[in-house]
Amino acid sequence: MNGRIAAASGREDGRPSRQINIVLRNQEPPIVSNPVVENEAVTPKGHSHSGLFQEISHELDALVGLDNIKELVFEIYALLQIAQMRSQAGLASGGQAYHMVFKGNPGTGKTTVARIVAKLFQRMGVLSKGHLIEVERADLVGEYIGHTAQKTRDLVKKALGGILFIDEAYSLARGGEKDFGKEAIDTLVKSMEDHRSQFVLILAGYSGEIDYFLMSNPGLPSRFPIQVEFPDYTIDELLQIADLMAKERDYILMPQAILKLKQYLLLEKNESIHAFSNARYVRNSIEKAVRNQAVRLLTQYENSSPGKQELMSLRTEDFRL
């Protein structure tokens, strides 16, 4: 599960670069309202639009927390809906920029929300394809002069009709003036102008570092009118996420196991020197508990098979730091 439900070789943190993640959507036709009849009241296509937002709301409601994000998505939906009504009525409905900045720690739902927004934009006719291309510094920055600009332009081209989602975007500005990351930033700014309304750019990363990144180019801040904070989850929200993750895998968290997980969450959230990874930490904890349970059951039932209830139960001894 991604986000709140479950948002280069030269990396400073030593982690391997992930492959470019392209999420394709079925090409559902955008919702188009009927032309307005003169002197007739303008009414929305209530059934179709209501059905669309019910679908989007269902996905959002399945996410733990994220109240401010849910409000934002409804604002965008309402804006698009009213723009269509204004167009039907012969009124100006000038296009808006929908480039966004998602700020927050890992595991707070940024990628998940980006996918939901992509679906909304595609169904409302803002984006022709509604796919999501997720990249990071290594996918944009080349090894020699000119290479970075070409790589960045190629990725923008792939993102046309959809969303280009850059995780840890601030890493593009870390190397200073001579770093090729600046070339990627300049190319992105130009692409936002050259391909206006043809794709949506979403930058994601830690709040403070994203703010620093936006100041690295004078043309950046004004190009991202939508900036959203993804706060860390509370302990209760994290336990709710853990329960959902376990149920998705047909496991049950025993009461004492929940208490033990809560202790681990408090320790990790309050005392770790690293940024708290929220739902990712919970997911890793559940997956490790599942592995520990497998070893425990295989040892306990050497000559027999455990019952269904035992196969489903994650107990205190299965949760170990």
Protein backbone atom coordinates (compact mmCIF):
# COMPACT_ATOMS: atom_id res chain seq x y z
CA MET A 1 0.00 0.00 0.00
CA ASN A 2 1.29 3.40 -0.88
CA GLY A 3 1.43 6.67 1.01
CA ARG A 4 -0.89 7.03 3.94
CA ILE A 5 -2.35 3.64 3.31
CA ALA A 6 0.15 1.73 3.10
CA ALA A 7 3.55 10.09 -1.15
CA ALA A 8 21.88 7.72 -9.04
CA SER A 9 24.80 6.16 -8.33
CA GLY A 10 25.89 9.53 -7.02
CA ARG A 11 23.26 9.81 -4.31
CA GLU A 12 24.60 11.20 -1.06
CA ASP A 13 22.64 8.78 1.07
CA GLY A 14 24.09 5.79 -0.71
CA ARG A 15 20.74 4.36 -1.77
CA PRO A 16 20.52 2.92 -5.29
CA SER A 17 18.53 4.92 -7.81
CA ARG A 18 15.08 3.57 -8.45
CA GLN A 19 13.78 3.08 -11.94
CA ILE A 20 11.43 5.63 -13.43
CA ASN A 21 7.97 4.68 -12.30
CA ILE A 22 5.28 5.21 -14.93
CA VAL A 23 1.71 4.66 -13.84
CA LEU A 24 -0.60 4.34 -16.84
CA ARG A 25 -4.35 4.76 -16.59
CA ASN A 26 -7.15 3.41 -18.71
CA GLN A 27 -8.05 6.05 -21.22
CA GLU A 28 -11.46 6.92 -19.84
CA PRO A 29 -13.04 9.79 -21.81
CA PRO A 30 -13.06 13.13 -20.01
CA ILE A 31 -16.42 14.38 -18.82
CA VAL A 32 -17.70 17.04 -21.20
CA SER A 33 -20.79 19.09 -20.44
CA ASN A 34 -23.56 19.74 -22.98
CA PRO A 35 -23.47 23.09 -24.81
CA VAL A 36 -25.55 25.82 -23.22
CA VAL A 37 -28.89 26.77 -24.77
CA GLU A 38 -29.56 30.51 -24.93
CA ASN A 39 -31.78 31.83 -22.13
CA GLU A 40 -31.71 28.44 -20.45
CA ALA A 41 -30.32 28.01 -16.94
CA VAL A 42 -26.91 26.41 -16.89
CA THR A 43 -26.95 23.16 -14.98
CA PRO A 44 -24.05 20.80 -14.47
CA LYS A 45 -24.04 17.23 -15.62
CA GLY A 46 -24.93 16.33 -12.09
CA HIS A 47 -25.07 12.60 -12.40
CA SER A 48 -21.75 12.16 -14.22
CA HIS A 49 -19.82 14.71 -12.19
CA SER A 50 -21.33 13.54 -8.93
CA GLY A 51 -20.36 9.99 -9.83
CA LEU A 52 -16.82 11.08 -10.59
CA PHE A 53 -16.36 12.88 -7.30
CA GLN A 54 -17.91 9.98 -5.41
CA GLU A 55 -15.24 7.78 -6.99
CA ILE A 56 -12.46 10.19 -6.05
CA SER A 57 -13.92 10.67 -2.56
CA HIS A 58 -13.99 6.92 -2.04
CA GLU A 59 -10.26 6.72 -2.73
CA LEU A 60 -9.54 9.69 -0.48
CA ASP A 61 -11.75 8.45 2.35
CA ALA A 62 -9.81 5.20 2.36
CA LEU A 63 -6.72 7.19 3.37
CA VAL A 64 -6.03 7.74 7.05
CA GLY A 65 -5.88 11.42 8.02
CA LEU A 66 -5.03 13.88 5.21
CA ASP A 67 -7.99 16.16 5.96
CA ASN A 68 -6.29 19.21 4.41
CA ILE A 69 -5.48 17.21 1.27
CA LYS A 70 -9.07 16.02 0.94
CA GLU A 71 -10.26 19.62 1.16
CA LEU A 72 -7.75 20.67 -1.50
CA VAL A 73 -8.87 17.96 -3.93
CA PHE A 74 -12.48 19.07 -3.51
CA GLU A 75 -11.45 22.69 -4.16
CA ILE A 76 -9.77 21.64 -7.41
CA TYR A 77 -12.80 19.57 -8.41
CA ALA A 78 -15.16 22.46 -7.66
CA LEU A 79 -12.97 24.89 -9.62
CA LEU A 80 -12.95 22.62 -12.68
CA GLN A 81 -16.69 22.04 -12.41
CA ILE A 82 -17.51 25.74 -12.22
CA ALA A 83 -15.07 26.51 -15.06
CA GLN A 84 -17.07 24.17 -17.28
CA MET A 85 -20.33 25.85 -16.28
CA ARG A 86 -18.84 29.28 -16.99
CA SER A 87 -17.71 28.10 -20.41
CA GLN A 88 -21.21 26.80 -21.17
CA ALA A 89 -22.62 30.18 -20.16
CA GLY A 90 -20.25 32.01 -22.51
CA LEU A 91 -18.16 33.41 -19.68
CA ALA A 92 -14.40 33.56 -19.49
CA SER A 93 -12.96 30.50 -17.81
CA GLY A 94 -9.26 31.20 -18.11
CA GLY A 95 -6.97 28.29 -17.46
CA GLN A 96 -5.18 27.97 -14.14
CA ALA A 97 -1.77 26.58 -13.39
CA TYR A 98 -1.97 23.36 -11.39
CA HIS A 99 1.72 22.78 -10.71
CA MET A 100 2.13 21.74 -7.08
CA VAL A 101 4.61 21.33 -4.24
CA PHE A 102 4.06 18.51 -1.75
CA LYS A 103 5.99 19.05 1.50
CA GLY A 104 6.48 16.44 4.18
CA ASN A 105 8.45 13.52 5.56
CA PRO A 106 8.58 10.14 3.79
CA GLY A 107 5.55 7.90 4.00
CA THR A 108 2.99 10.68 4.38
CA GLY A 109 0.98 9.92 1.24
CA LYS A 110 2.47 12.28 -1.35
CA THR A 111 2.72 9.77 -4.21
CA THR A 112 -0.69 8.28 -3.45
CA VAL A 113 -2.34 11.70 -3.60
CA ALA A 114 -0.49 12.56 -6.83
CA ARG A 115 -2.03 9.48 -8.48
CA ILE A 116 -5.52 10.46 -7.33
CA VAL A 117 -5.03 14.00 -8.64
CA ALA A 118 -3.86 12.59 -11.99
CA LYS A 119 -7.07 10.58 -12.26
CA LEU A 120 -9.19 13.63 -11.41
CA PHE A 121 -7.44 15.80 -14.00
CA GLN A 122 -7.81 13.17 -16.70
CA ARG A 123 -11.50 12.60 -16.05
CA MET A 124 -12.20 16.35 -15.95
CA GLY A 125 -10.38 16.94 -19.25
CA VAL A 126 -7.45 18.91 -17.83
CA LEU A 127 -4.96 16.19 -18.79
CA SER A 128 -5.38 14.03 -21.88
CA LYS A 129 -3.80 10.87 -20.43
CA GLY A 130 -3.68 11.21 -16.65
CA HIS A 131 -0.57 9.06 -16.23
CA LEU A 132 2.08 9.66 -13.55
CA ILE A 133 5.82 9.56 -14.15
CA GLU A 134 7.78 9.44 -10.91
CA VAL A 135 11.45 10.43 -11.11
CA GLU A 136 14.32 11.61 -8.92
CA ARG A 137 17.62 13.43 -9.42
CA ALA A 138 19.42 10.52 -11.10
CA ASP A 139 16.74 10.33 -13.79
CA LEU A 140 17.14 14.03 -14.66
CA VAL A 141 20.82 14.83 -14.20
CA GLY A 142 23.34 13.75 -16.82
CA GLU A 143 27.09 13.25 -16.75
CA TYR A 144 28.27 16.02 -19.07
CA ILE A 145 27.23 19.43 -20.36
CA GLY A 146 24.05 19.20 -22.42
CA HIS A 147 23.21 15.68 -21.26
CA THR A 148 21.04 16.88 -18.38
CA ALA A 149 18.92 19.16 -20.54
CA GLN A 150 18.25 16.35 -23.00
CA LYS A 151 17.34 13.85 -20.26
CA THR A 152 15.01 16.35 -18.64
CA ARG A 153 13.33 17.27 -21.94
CA ASP A 154 12.80 13.59 -22.71
CA LEU A 155 11.09 13.02 -19.38
CA VAL A 156 8.89 16.08 -19.83
CA LYS A 157 7.92 14.73 -23.25
CA LYS A 158 6.90 11.41 -21.67
CA ALA A 159 4.90 13.30 -19.05
CA LEU A 160 2.88 15.35 -21.56
CA GLY A 161 -0.80 14.70 -20.94
CA GLY A 162 -0.05 13.62 -17.37
CA ILE A 163 1.92 14.42 -14.24
CA LEU A 164 5.69 14.57 -13.75
CA PHE A 165 6.35 13.83 -10.08
CA ILE A 166 9.86 14.64 -8.84
CA ASP A 167 10.65 13.12 -5.45
CA GLU A 168 13.36 14.71 -3.30
CA ALA A 169 13.34 17.59 -5.79
CA TYR A 170 15.59 19.70 -3.56
CA SER A 171 18.51 17.41 -4.44
CA LEU A 172 18.68 19.19 -7.81
CA ALA A 173 19.95 22.32 -6.06
CA ARG A 174 22.46 20.74 -3.70
CA GLY A 175 25.53 20.90 -5.88
CA GLY A 176 25.83 24.65 -6.31
CA GLU A 177 26.27 26.71 -9.46
CA LYS A 178 28.53 24.24 -11.30
CA ASP A 179 26.38 21.19 -10.61
CA PHE A 180 24.33 19.79 -13.49
CA GLY A 181 21.26 19.86 -11.25
CA LYS A 182 20.92 23.57 -12.00
CA GLU A 183 20.68 22.72 -15.69
CA ALA A 184 17.78 20.38 -14.90
CA ILE A 185 16.01 23.15 -12.97
CA ASP A 186 16.45 25.65 -15.81
CA THR A 187 15.15 23.09 -18.33
CA LEU A 188 12.10 22.37 -16.17
CA VAL A 189 11.29 26.07 -15.89
CA LYS A 190 11.50 26.47 -19.67
CA SER A 191 9.39 23.35 -20.23
CA MET A 192 6.67 24.70 -17.94
CA GLU A 193 6.46 27.71 -20.25
CA ASP A 194 6.83 25.85 -23.56
CA HIS A 195 4.27 23.17 -22.63
CA ARG A 196 1.87 25.26 -20.60
CA SER A 197 -1.29 23.33 -19.68
CA GLN A 198 0.08 20.15 -21.30
CA PHE A 199 1.39 18.56 -18.12
CA VAL A 200 1.43 19.12 -14.37
CA LEU A 201 4.69 19.22 -12.42
CA ILE A 202 4.64 18.13 -8.78
CA LEU A 203 7.73 18.60 -6.63
CA ALA A 204 7.95 16.59 -3.41
CA GLY A 205 10.30 16.49 -0.44
CA TYR A 206 11.07 17.66 3.08
CA SER A 207 9.49 21.04 3.90
CA GLY A 208 12.63 23.04 4.71
CA GLU A 209 14.68 21.66 1.85
CA ILE A 210 11.88 22.17 -0.68
CA ASP A 211 11.59 25.81 0.39
CA TYR A 212 15.34 26.23 -0.14
CA PHE A 213 15.04 24.58 -3.54
CA LEU A 214 12.31 26.97 -4.66
CA MET A 215 14.61 29.88 -3.90
CA SER A 216 17.34 28.44 -6.13
CA ASN A 217 15.66 29.83 -9.25
CA PRO A 218 13.77 33.16 -9.32
CA GLY A 219 11.19 31.70 -11.70
CA LEU A 220 10.22 28.76 -9.51
CA PRO A 221 8.08 30.00 -6.58
CA SER A 222 5.47 31.79 -8.71
CA ARG A 223 5.06 28.75 -10.93
CA PHE A 224 3.74 26.54 -8.12
CA PRO A 225 0.50 28.13 -6.90
CA ILE A 226 -0.53 25.02 -4.95
CA GLN A 227 1.74 24.13 -2.02
CA VAL A 228 0.56 21.49 0.43
CA GLU A 229 1.91 20.28 3.76
CA PHE A 230 1.74 16.54 4.47
CA PRO A 231 2.06 16.34 8.28
CA ASP A 232 3.44 13.35 10.14
CA TYR A 233 0.86 10.87 11.36
CA THR A 234 -0.14 10.67 14.97
CA ILE A 235 0.54 7.42 16.82
CA ASP A 236 -3.17 6.54 16.70
CA GLU A 237 -3.24 7.11 12.94
CA LEU A 238 -0.17 4.93 12.50
CA LEU A 239 -1.80 2.12 14.47
CA GLN A 240 -4.88 2.46 12.30
CA ILE A 241 -2.65 2.18 9.23
CA ALA A 242 -0.99 -0.91 10.72
CA ASP A 243 -4.38 -2.53 11.26
CA LEU A 244 -5.39 -1.80 7.66
CA MET A 245 -2.13 -3.18 6.30
CA ALA A 246 -2.47 -6.36 8.33
CA LYS A 247 -6.07 -6.90 7.23
CA GLU A 248 -5.11 -6.44 3.60
CA ARG A 249 -2.73 -9.37 4.01
CA ASP A 250 -5.29 -11.48 5.97
CA TYR A 251 -3.48 -11.04 9.28
CA ILE A 252 -4.81 -9.96 12.66
CA LEU A 253 -2.85 -7.87 15.16
CA MET A 254 -3.28 -9.31 18.63
CA PRO A 255 -3.96 -6.70 21.38
CA GLN A 256 -0.58 -7.13 23.07
CA ALA A 257 1.15 -6.93 19.69
CA ILE A 258 -0.56 -3.59 19.08
CA LEU A 259 0.78 -2.28 22.39
CA LYS A 260 4.27 -3.41 21.52
CA LEU A 261 4.08 -1.80 18.09
CA LYS A 262 2.89 1.40 19.75
CA GLN A 263 6.01 1.39 21.97
CA TYR A 264 8.23 0.98 18.91
CA LEU A 265 6.44 3.81 17.11
CA LEU A 266 6.86 6.17 20.04
CA LEU A 267 10.55 5.29 20.29
CA GLU A 268 11.20 5.69 16.58
CA LYS A 269 9.22 8.90 16.26
CA ASN A 270 10.67 10.66 19.30
CA GLU A 271 14.24 9.40 19.52
CA SER A 272 15.45 8.48 16.04
CA ILE A 273 18.11 10.77 14.56
CA HIS A 274 16.62 10.20 11.10
CA ALA A 275 13.44 11.70 9.64
CA PHE A 276 10.50 9.58 10.69
CA SER A 277 9.22 7.54 7.74
CA ASN A 278 5.61 7.30 8.92
CA ALA A 279 3.61 4.71 6.95
CA ARG A 280 6.80 3.26 5.48
CA TYR A 281 8.03 2.42 8.98
CA VAL A 282 4.69 0.77 9.74
CA ARG A 283 4.78 -1.23 6.51
CA ASN A 284 8.32 -2.41 7.19
CA SER A 285 7.33 -3.38 10.75
CA ILE A 286 4.34 -5.40 9.54
CA GLU A 287 6.38 -7.17 6.87
CA LYS A 288 9.13 -8.05 9.36
CA ALA A 289 6.52 -9.34 11.82
CA VAL A 290 5.09 -11.56 9.07
CA ARG A 291 8.54 -13.03 8.46
CA ASN A 292 9.07 -13.57 12.18
CA GLN A 293 5.68 -15.24 12.47
CA ALA A 294 6.56 -17.62 9.63
CA VAL A 295 9.73 -18.72 11.44
CA ARG A 296 7.86 -19.06 14.75
CA LEU A 297 5.08 -21.20 13.29
CA LEU A 298 7.43 -23.42 11.33
CA THR A 299 9.38 -24.06 14.53
CA GLN A 300 6.33 -24.61 16.74
CA TYR A 301 4.47 -26.85 14.29
CA GLU A 302 7.36 -28.97 13.08
CA ASN A 303 5.23 -32.07 12.58
CA SER A 304 1.80 -30.54 12.02
CA SER A 305 0.05 -27.53 10.51
CA PRO A 306 -1.20 -24.51 12.47
CA GLY A 307 -4.90 -23.67 12.32
CA LYS A 308 -6.33 -20.80 10.30
CA GLN A 309 -6.56 -18.49 13.31
CA GLU A 310 -2.93 -19.10 14.22
CA LEU A 311 -1.85 -18.50 10.61
CA MET A 312 -3.57 -15.13 10.75
CA SER A 313 -2.38 -13.97 14.19
CA LEU A 314 0.57 -11.61 14.63
CA ARG A 315 1.64 -11.86 18.27
CA THR A 316 3.89 -9.89 20.57
CA GLU A 317 6.91 -12.11 19.90
CA ASP A 318 6.59 -11.42 16.16
CA PHE A 319 7.39 -7.74 16.67
CA ARG A 320 11.07 -7.24 17.34
CA LEU A 321 13.20 -4.18 16.69
